[in-house]
PDB file of N, CA and C in Angstrom:
ATOM      1  N   LEU A   1      14.391  14.507 -21.579  1.00  0.00           N
ATOM      2  CA  LEU A   1      14.273  13.047 -21.763  1.00  0.00           C
ATOM      3  C   LEU A   1      15.458  12.588 -21.759  1.00  0.00           C
ATOM      4  N   ALA A   2      16.312  12.537 -22.669  1.00  0.00           N
ATOM      5  CA  ALA A   2      17.559  11.902 -22.759  1.00  0.00           C
ATOM      6  C   ALA A   2      18.166  12.593 -21.552  1.00  0.00           C
ATOM      7  N   ILE A   3      18.365  13.501 -20.995  1.00  0.00           N
ATOM      8  CA  ILE A   3      19.198  14.074 -19.964  1.00  0.00           C
ATOM      9  C   ILE A   3      18.440  13.239 -18.357  1.00  0.00           C
ATOM     10  N   LEU A   4      17.240  13.258 -18.737  1.00  0.00           N
ATOM     11  CA  LEU A   4      16.851  12.099 -17.595  1.00  0.00           C
ATOM     12  C   LEU A   4      16.828  10.539 -17.472  1.00  0.00           C
ATOM     13  N   ARG A   5      17.407  10.085 -18.560  1.00  0.00           N
ATOM     14  CA  ARG A   5      17.879   8.535 -19.430  1.00  0.00           C
ATOM     15  C   ARG A   5      18.995   8.596 -18.578  1.00  0.00           C
ATOM     16  N   GLU A   6      20.254   9.464 -19.065  1.00  0.00           N
ATOM     17  CA  GLU A   6      21.246   9.696 -18.171  1.00  0.00           C
ATOM     18  C   GLU A   6      21.667   9.591 -16.799  1.00  0.00           C
ATOM     19  N   HIS A   7      20.301  10.143 -15.783  1.00  0.00           N
ATOM     20  CA  HIS A   7      20.350  10.247 -14.718  1.00  0.00           C
ATOM     21  C   HIS A   7      20.015   9.047 -13.765  1.00  0.00           C
ATOM     22  N   LEU A   8      18.500   8.490 -14.029  1.00  0.00           N
ATOM     23  CA  LEU A   8      17.675   7.829 -13.374  1.00  0.00           C
ATOM     24  C   LEU A   8      17.804   6.248 -14.048  1.00  0.00           C
ATOM     25  N   GLY A   9      17.664   5.355 -12.697  1.00  0.00           N
ATOM     26  CA  GLY A   9      18.875   4.047 -12.834  1.00  0.00           C
ATOM     27  C   GLY A   9      17.300   2.984 -13.107  1.00  0.00           C
ATOM     28  N   GLY A  10      15.896   3.719 -13.475  1.00  0.00           N
ATOM     29  CA  GLY A  10      15.135   2.965 -13.536  1.00  0.00           C
ATOM     30  C   GLY A  10      13.858   2.665 -12.288  1.00  0.00           C
ATOM     31  N   HIS A  11      14.854   2.605 -11.077  1.00  0.00           N
ATOM     32  CA  HIS A  11      13.902   1.992 -10.245  1.00  0.00           C
ATOM     33  C   HIS A  11      13.736   2.799  -8.756  1.00  0.00           C
ATOM     34  N   GLU A  12      13.987   3.944  -9.406  1.00  0.00           N
ATOM     35  CA  GLU A  12      13.269   5.350  -8.126  1.00  0.00           C
ATOM     36  C   GLU A  12      12.013   5.212  -7.799  1.00  0.00           C
ATOM     37  N   ARG A  13      12.179   6.414  -7.138  1.00  0.00           N
ATOM     38  CA  ARG A  13      10.052   6.656  -6.932  1.00  0.00           C
ATOM     39  C   ARG A  13      10.477   8.321  -6.974  1.00  0.00           C
ATOM     40  N   ILE A  14      10.112   8.803  -7.455  1.00  0.00           N
ATOM     41  CA  ILE A  14      10.010  10.431  -7.854  1.00  0.00           C
ATOM     42  C   ILE A  14       8.846  10.932  -7.134  1.00  0.00           C
ATOM     43  N   LEU A  15       9.534  12.049  -6.352  1.00  0.00           N
ATOM     44  CA  LEU A  15       8.147  12.842  -5.960  1.00  0.00           C
ATOM     45  C   LEU A  15       7.862  14.027  -6.657  1.00  0.00           C
ATOM     46  N   GLU A  16       6.677  14.330  -7.483  1.00  0.00           N
ATOM     47  CA  GLU A  16       6.806  15.832  -8.355  1.00  0.00           C
ATOM     48  C   GLU A  16       6.053  16.667  -7.320  1.00  0.00           C
ATOM     49  N   ILE A  17       6.685  17.540  -7.163  1.00  0.00           N
ATOM     50  CA  ILE A  17       5.918  18.811  -6.665  1.00  0.00           C
ATOM     51  C   ILE A  17       5.260  19.837  -7.268  1.00  0.00           C
ATOM     52  N   GLY A  18       3.771  19.937  -7.094  1.00  0.00           N
ATOM     53  CA  GLY A  18       3.081  20.767  -7.863  1.00  0.00           C
ATOM     54  C   GLY A  18       2.244  20.280  -8.834  1.00  0.00           C
ATOM     55  N   SER A  19       2.060  19.310  -9.284  1.00  0.00           N
ATOM     56  CA  SER A  19       1.687  18.271 -10.447  1.00  0.00           C
ATOM     57  C   SER A  19       0.842  18.634 -11.621  1.00  0.00           C
ATOM     58  N   GLY A  20       0.048  19.860 -11.290  1.00  0.00           N
ATOM     59  CA  GLY A  20      -0.694  20.396 -12.011  1.00  0.00           C
ATOM     60  C   GLY A  20      -1.484  19.707 -12.494  1.00  0.00           C
ATOM     61  N   THR A  21      -1.803  19.286 -13.784  1.00  0.00           N
ATOM     62  CA  THR A  21      -2.864  18.657 -14.299  1.00  0.00           C
ATOM     63  C   THR A  21      -2.628  16.732 -14.097  1.00  0.00           C
ATOM     64  N   GLY A  22      -1.618  17.283 -14.310  1.00  0.00           N
ATOM     65  CA  GLY A  22      -0.701  15.221 -14.175  1.00  0.00           C
ATOM     66  C   GLY A  22      -0.585  15.075 -15.087  1.00  0.00           C
ATOM     67  N   GLN A  23      -0.572  15.243 -16.205  1.00  0.00           N
ATOM     68  CA  GLN A  23      -0.413  15.339 -17.712  1.00  0.00           C
ATOM     69  C   GLN A  23       1.480  14.979 -17.941  1.00  0.00           C
ATOM     70  N   HIS A  24       2.510  15.781 -17.586  1.00  0.00           N
ATOM     71  CA  HIS A  24       3.570  15.503 -17.437  1.00  0.00           C
ATOM     72  C   HIS A  24       4.101  14.100 -16.752  1.00  0.00           C
ATOM     73  N   ALA A  25       3.184  13.918 -15.152  1.00  0.00           N
ATOM     74  CA  ALA A  25       3.187  12.701 -14.734  1.00  0.00           C
ATOM     75  C   ALA A  25       3.541  11.588 -15.714  1.00  0.00           C
ATOM     76  N   VAL A  26       1.742  11.725 -16.118  1.00  0.00           N
ATOM     77  CA  VAL A  26       1.678  10.926 -17.114  1.00  0.00           C
ATOM     78  C   VAL A  26       2.508  10.166 -18.244  1.00  0.00           C
ATOM     79  N   TYR A  27       3.463  11.679 -19.018  1.00  0.00           N
ATOM     80  CA  TYR A  27       4.396  11.393 -19.879  1.00  0.00           C
ATOM     81  C   TYR A  27       5.854  10.585 -19.785  1.00  0.00           C
ATOM     82  N   PHE A  28       6.003  10.690 -18.386  1.00  0.00           N
ATOM     83  CA  PHE A  28       7.275  10.804 -17.976  1.00  0.00           C
ATOM     84  C   PHE A  28       7.358   8.839 -17.196  1.00  0.00           C
ATOM     85  N   ALA A  29       5.675   8.793 -16.901  1.00  0.00           N
ATOM     86  CA  ALA A  29       5.909   7.394 -16.496  1.00  0.00           C
ATOM     87  C   ALA A  29       5.609   6.389 -17.512  1.00  0.00           C
ATOM     88  N   ARG A  30       5.170   6.716 -18.617  1.00  0.00           N
ATOM     89  CA  ARG A  30       4.930   6.151 -19.642  1.00  0.00           C
ATOM     90  C   ARG A  30       6.385   6.064 -20.226  1.00  0.00           C
ATOM     91  N   CYS A  31       7.524   7.137 -19.909  1.00  0.00           N
ATOM     92  CA  CYS A  31       8.451   6.855 -20.751  1.00  0.00           C
ATOM     93  C   CYS A  31       9.831   6.312 -19.751  1.00  0.00           C
ATOM     94  N   PHE A  32       9.641   6.142 -18.740  1.00  0.00           N
ATOM     95  CA  PHE A  32       9.833   5.321 -17.535  1.00  0.00           C
ATOM     96  C   PHE A  32       9.165   4.510 -16.715  1.00  0.00           C
ATOM     97  N   PRO A  33       8.687   3.275 -16.843  1.00  0.00           N
ATOM     98  CA  PRO A  33       7.934   2.396 -16.317  1.00  0.00           C
ATOM     99  C   PRO A  33       8.333   2.044 -15.005  1.00  0.00           C
ATOM    100  N   GLY A  34       9.549   1.400 -14.753  1.00  0.00           N
ATOM    101  CA  GLY A  34      10.078   1.020 -13.780  1.00  0.00           C
ATOM    102  C   GLY A  34      10.412   1.886 -12.542  1.00  0.00           C
ATOM    103  N   ILE A  35      10.069   3.257 -12.947  1.00  0.00           N
ATOM    104  CA  ILE A  35      10.033   4.325 -11.790  1.00  0.00           C
ATOM    105  C   ILE A  35       8.557   4.479 -11.317  1.00  0.00           C
ATOM    106  N   ILE A  36       8.159   4.792  -9.702  1.00  0.00           N
ATOM    107  CA  ILE A  36       7.385   5.321  -9.255  1.00  0.00           C
ATOM    108  C   ILE A  36       7.349   6.746  -9.457  1.00  0.00           C
ATOM    109  N   TRP A  37       6.273   7.249 -10.331  1.00  0.00           N
ATOM    110  CA  TRP A  37       6.227   8.614 -10.341  1.00  0.00           C
ATOM    111  C   TRP A  37       4.725   9.233  -9.228  1.00  0.00           C
ATOM    112  N   GLN A  38       5.301   9.873  -8.582  1.00  0.00           N
ATOM    113  CA  GLN A  38       4.282  10.016  -6.870  1.00  0.00           C
ATOM    114  C   GLN A  38       4.005  11.693  -7.354  1.00  0.00           C
ATOM    115  N   THR A  39       2.466  11.950  -7.802  1.00  0.00           N
ATOM    116  CA  THR A  39       2.013  13.252  -8.064  1.00  0.00           C
ATOM    117  C   THR A  39       1.687  14.196  -6.689  1.00  0.00           C
ATOM    118  N   SER A  40       1.767  15.431  -6.558  1.00  0.00           N
ATOM    119  CA  SER A  40       1.190  15.646  -5.290  1.00  0.00           C
ATOM    120  C   SER A  40       0.966  17.446  -6.058  1.00  0.00           C
ATOM    121  N   ASP A  41      -0.161  18.095  -5.395  1.00  0.00           N
ATOM    122  CA  ASP A  41      -0.590  19.357  -5.484  1.00  0.00           C
ATOM    123  C   ASP A  41      -1.543  19.319  -4.404  1.00  0.00           C
ATOM    124  N   ARG A  42      -2.016  21.410  -4.576  1.00  0.00           N
ATOM    125  CA  ARG A  42      -2.739  21.650  -3.859  1.00  0.00           C
ATOM    126  C   ARG A  42      -4.233  20.616  -3.531  1.00  0.00           C
ATOM    127  N   GLU A  43      -4.910  20.780  -3.046  1.00  0.00           N
ATOM    128  CA  GLU A  43      -6.341  19.948  -2.932  1.00  0.00           C
ATOM    129  C   GLU A  43      -7.328  20.159  -4.173  1.00  0.00           C
ATOM    130  N   GLU A  44      -7.153  21.656  -4.327  1.00  0.00           N
ATOM    131  CA  GLU A  44      -8.139  21.867  -5.560  1.00  0.00           C
ATOM    132  C   GLU A  44      -7.612  21.258  -7.102  1.00  0.00           C
ATOM    133  N   ASN A  45      -6.446  20.834  -7.175  1.00  0.00           N
ATOM    134  CA  ASN A  45      -5.965  20.394  -8.290  1.00  0.00           C
ATOM    135  C   ASN A  45      -5.845  18.605  -7.950  1.00  0.00           C
ATOM    136  N   LEU A  46      -6.324  17.982  -7.298  1.00  0.00           N
ATOM    137  CA  LEU A  46      -5.637  16.548  -6.913  1.00  0.00           C
ATOM    138  C   LEU A  46      -7.454  15.860  -7.726  1.00  0.00           C
ATOM    139  N   GLN A  47      -8.299  16.067  -7.746  1.00  0.00           N
ATOM    140  CA  GLN A  47      -9.209  15.916  -9.154  1.00  0.00           C
ATOM    141  C   GLN A  47      -9.110  15.433 -10.459  1.00  0.00           C
ATOM    142  N   GLY A  48      -8.225  17.023 -10.899  1.00  0.00           N
ATOM    143  CA  GLY A  48      -7.511  16.976 -12.384  1.00  0.00           C
ATOM    144  C   GLY A  48      -6.162  15.815 -12.445  1.00  0.00           C
ATOM    145  N   ILE A  49      -5.770  15.685 -11.917  1.00  0.00           N
ATOM    146  CA  ILE A  49      -4.667  14.679 -11.802  1.00  0.00           C
ATOM    147  C   ILE A  49      -5.310  13.516 -11.214  1.00  0.00           C
ATOM    148  N   LYS A  50      -5.863  13.225 -10.604  1.00  0.00           N
ATOM    149  CA  LYS A  50      -7.016  11.950 -10.804  1.00  0.00           C
ATOM    150  C   LYS A  50      -7.542  11.473 -11.850  1.00  0.00           C
ATOM    151  N   ALA A  51      -8.053  12.499 -12.758  1.00  0.00           N
ATOM    152  CA  ALA A  51      -8.815  12.094 -13.870  1.00  0.00           C
ATOM    153  C   ALA A  51      -7.576  11.573 -14.916  1.00  0.00           C
ATOM    154  N   TRP A  52      -6.460  12.241 -14.886  1.00  0.00           N
ATOM    155  CA  TRP A  52      -5.041  11.976 -16.105  1.00  0.00           C
ATOM    156  C   TRP A  52      -4.493  10.569 -15.408  1.00  0.00           C
ATOM    157  N   LEU A  53      -4.585  10.443 -14.507  1.00  0.00           N
ATOM    158  CA  LEU A  53      -4.044   8.909 -14.010  1.00  0.00           C
ATOM    159  C   LEU A  53      -4.865   8.084 -14.359  1.00  0.00           C
ATOM    160  N   SER A  54      -6.311   8.492 -14.142  1.00  0.00           N
ATOM    161  CA  SER A  54      -7.229   6.995 -14.073  1.00  0.00           C
ATOM    162  C   SER A  54      -7.368   6.597 -15.625  1.00  0.00           C
ATOM    163  N   GLU A  55      -7.152   8.165 -16.563  1.00  0.00           N
ATOM    164  CA  GLU A  55      -7.545   7.853 -18.266  1.00  0.00           C
ATOM    165  C   GLU A  55      -5.767   7.333 -19.163  1.00  0.00           C
ATOM    166  N   ALA A  56      -4.923   7.371 -18.039  1.00  0.00           N
ATOM    167  CA  ALA A  56      -3.710   6.653 -18.821  1.00  0.00           C
ATOM    168  C   ALA A  56      -3.669   5.239 -18.128  1.00  0.00           C
ATOM    169  N   GLY A  57      -3.918   4.707 -16.817  1.00  0.00           N
ATOM    170  CA  GLY A  57      -4.854   3.450 -16.312  1.00  0.00           C
ATOM    171  C   GLY A  57      -2.695   2.927 -16.025  1.00  0.00           C
ATOM    172  N   LEU A  58      -1.553   3.776 -16.019  1.00  0.00           N
ATOM    173  CA  LEU A  58      -0.691   2.894 -15.761  1.00  0.00           C
ATOM    174  C   LEU A  58      -0.508   3.094 -14.163  1.00  0.00           C
ATOM    175  N   SER A  59       0.420   1.338 -13.794  1.00  0.00           N
ATOM    176  CA  SER A  59       0.842   1.216 -12.770  1.00  0.00           C
ATOM    177  C   SER A  59       1.782   1.269 -11.610  1.00  0.00           C
ATOM    178  N   ASN A  60       2.571   2.717 -12.384  1.00  0.00           N
ATOM    179  CA  ASN A  60       3.325   3.397 -11.686  1.00  0.00           C
ATOM    180  C   ASN A  60       3.170   4.894 -11.492  1.00  0.00           C
ATOM    181  N   THR A  61       2.302   4.755 -11.191  1.00  0.00           N
ATOM    182  CA  THR A  61       1.499   6.238 -10.768  1.00  0.00           C
ATOM    183  C   THR A  61       0.408   6.430  -9.776  1.00  0.00           C
ATOM    184  N   PRO A  62       0.644   6.269  -8.370  1.00  0.00           N
ATOM    185  CA  PRO A  62      -0.443   5.873  -7.397  1.00  0.00           C
ATOM    186  C   PRO A  62      -1.037   7.158  -7.171  1.00  0.00           C
ATOM    187  N   ALA A  63      -2.071   7.414  -6.245  1.00  0.00           N
ATOM    188  CA  ALA A  63      -3.072   8.257  -6.063  1.00  0.00           C
ATOM    189  C   ALA A  63      -2.081   9.785  -5.795  1.00  0.00           C
ATOM    190  N   PRO A  64      -2.889  10.566  -6.184  1.00  0.00           N
ATOM    191  CA  PRO A  64      -1.481  12.389  -5.509  1.00  0.00           C
ATOM    192  C   PRO A  64      -1.822  12.226  -4.674  1.00  0.00           C
ATOM    193  N   LEU A  65      -0.999  13.010  -4.029  1.00  0.00           N
ATOM    194  CA  LEU A  65      -0.886  13.212  -2.409  1.00  0.00           C
ATOM    195  C   LEU A  65      -1.187  14.785  -2.181  1.00  0.00           C
ATOM    196  N   HIS A  66      -2.293  15.119  -1.449  1.00  0.00           N
ATOM    197  CA  HIS A  66      -2.070  16.713  -1.046  1.00  0.00           C
ATOM    198  C   HIS A  66      -1.095  17.324  -0.587  1.00  0.00           C
ATOM    199  N   LEU A  67      -0.231  18.358  -0.835  1.00  0.00           N
ATOM    200  CA  LEU A  67       1.056  18.637  -0.670  1.00  0.00           C
ATOM    201  C   LEU A  67       1.217  20.208  -1.301  1.00  0.00           C
ATOM    202  N   ASP A  68       0.649  21.272  -0.018  1.00  0.00           N
ATOM    203  CA  ASP A  68       0.520  22.441  -0.312  1.00  0.00           C
ATOM    204  C   ASP A  68       1.701  23.138  -0.093  1.00  0.00           C
ATOM    205  N   VAL A  69       2.636  23.603  -0.827  1.00  0.00           N
ATOM    206  CA  VAL A  69       3.878  23.685  -0.321  1.00  0.00           C
ATOM    207  C   VAL A  69       3.922  25.635   0.710  1.00  0.00           C
ATOM    208  N   ARG A  70       2.402  25.891   0.281  1.00  0.00           N
ATOM    209  CA  ARG A  70       2.669  27.280   1.065  1.00  0.00           C
ATOM    210  C   ARG A  70       2.007  27.296   2.214  1.00  0.00           C
ATOM    211  N   ALA A  71       1.964  25.833   3.009  1.00  0.00           N
ATOM    212  CA  ALA A  71       1.046  25.926   4.482  1.00  0.00           C
ATOM    213  C   ALA A  71       2.342  24.980   5.006  1.00  0.00           C
ATOM    214  N   SER A  72       2.027  25.279   6.089  1.00  0.00           N
ATOM    215  CA  SER A  72       3.892  25.203   7.300  1.00  0.00           C
ATOM    216  C   SER A  72       4.099  23.928   7.159  1.00  0.00           C
ATOM    217  N   TRP A  73       5.000  23.820   7.671  1.00  0.00           N
ATOM    218  CA  TRP A  73       5.739  22.513   7.803  1.00  0.00           C
ATOM    219  C   TRP A  73       5.331  21.707   9.033  1.00  0.00           C
ATOM    220  N   PRO A  74       5.208  20.580   9.168  1.00  0.00           N
ATOM    221  CA  PRO A  74       5.213  19.913  10.105  1.00  0.00           C
ATOM    222  C   PRO A  74       6.743  19.871  11.423  1.00  0.00           C
ATOM    223  N   GLU A  75       6.461  20.194  12.302  1.00  0.00           N
ATOM    224  CA  GLU A  75       8.289  20.518  13.062  1.00  0.00           C
ATOM    225  C   GLU A  75       7.793  19.058  13.993  1.00  0.00           C
ATOM    226  N   GLU A  76       8.974  18.494  14.221  1.00  0.00           N
ATOM    227  CA  GLU A  76       9.232  17.454  15.051  1.00  0.00           C
ATOM    228  C   GLU A  76       9.106  17.987  16.888  1.00  0.00           C
ATOM    229  N   THR A  77       8.992  16.840  17.125  1.00  0.00           N
ATOM    230  CA  THR A  77       8.943  17.373  19.224  1.00  0.00           C
ATOM    231  C   THR A  77       9.817  16.360  19.582  1.00  0.00           C
TER     232      THR A  77
END
């Protein structure tokens, strides 16, 4: 936590890839209320993340994004 405080200015938007349950996002979002902590994970984990975020009731944790890093990335044409 101390290391993050040294490197974060307090107004960033963080994308957490592979948020799992969402518990770490809730912890860090509480510690850094000025930072938007964006969770993401595979479809099967989104409900658990939503539950953690809902229970925490924080304004800096938007709904989780569906992001599966195993999937092909879109290519620009």
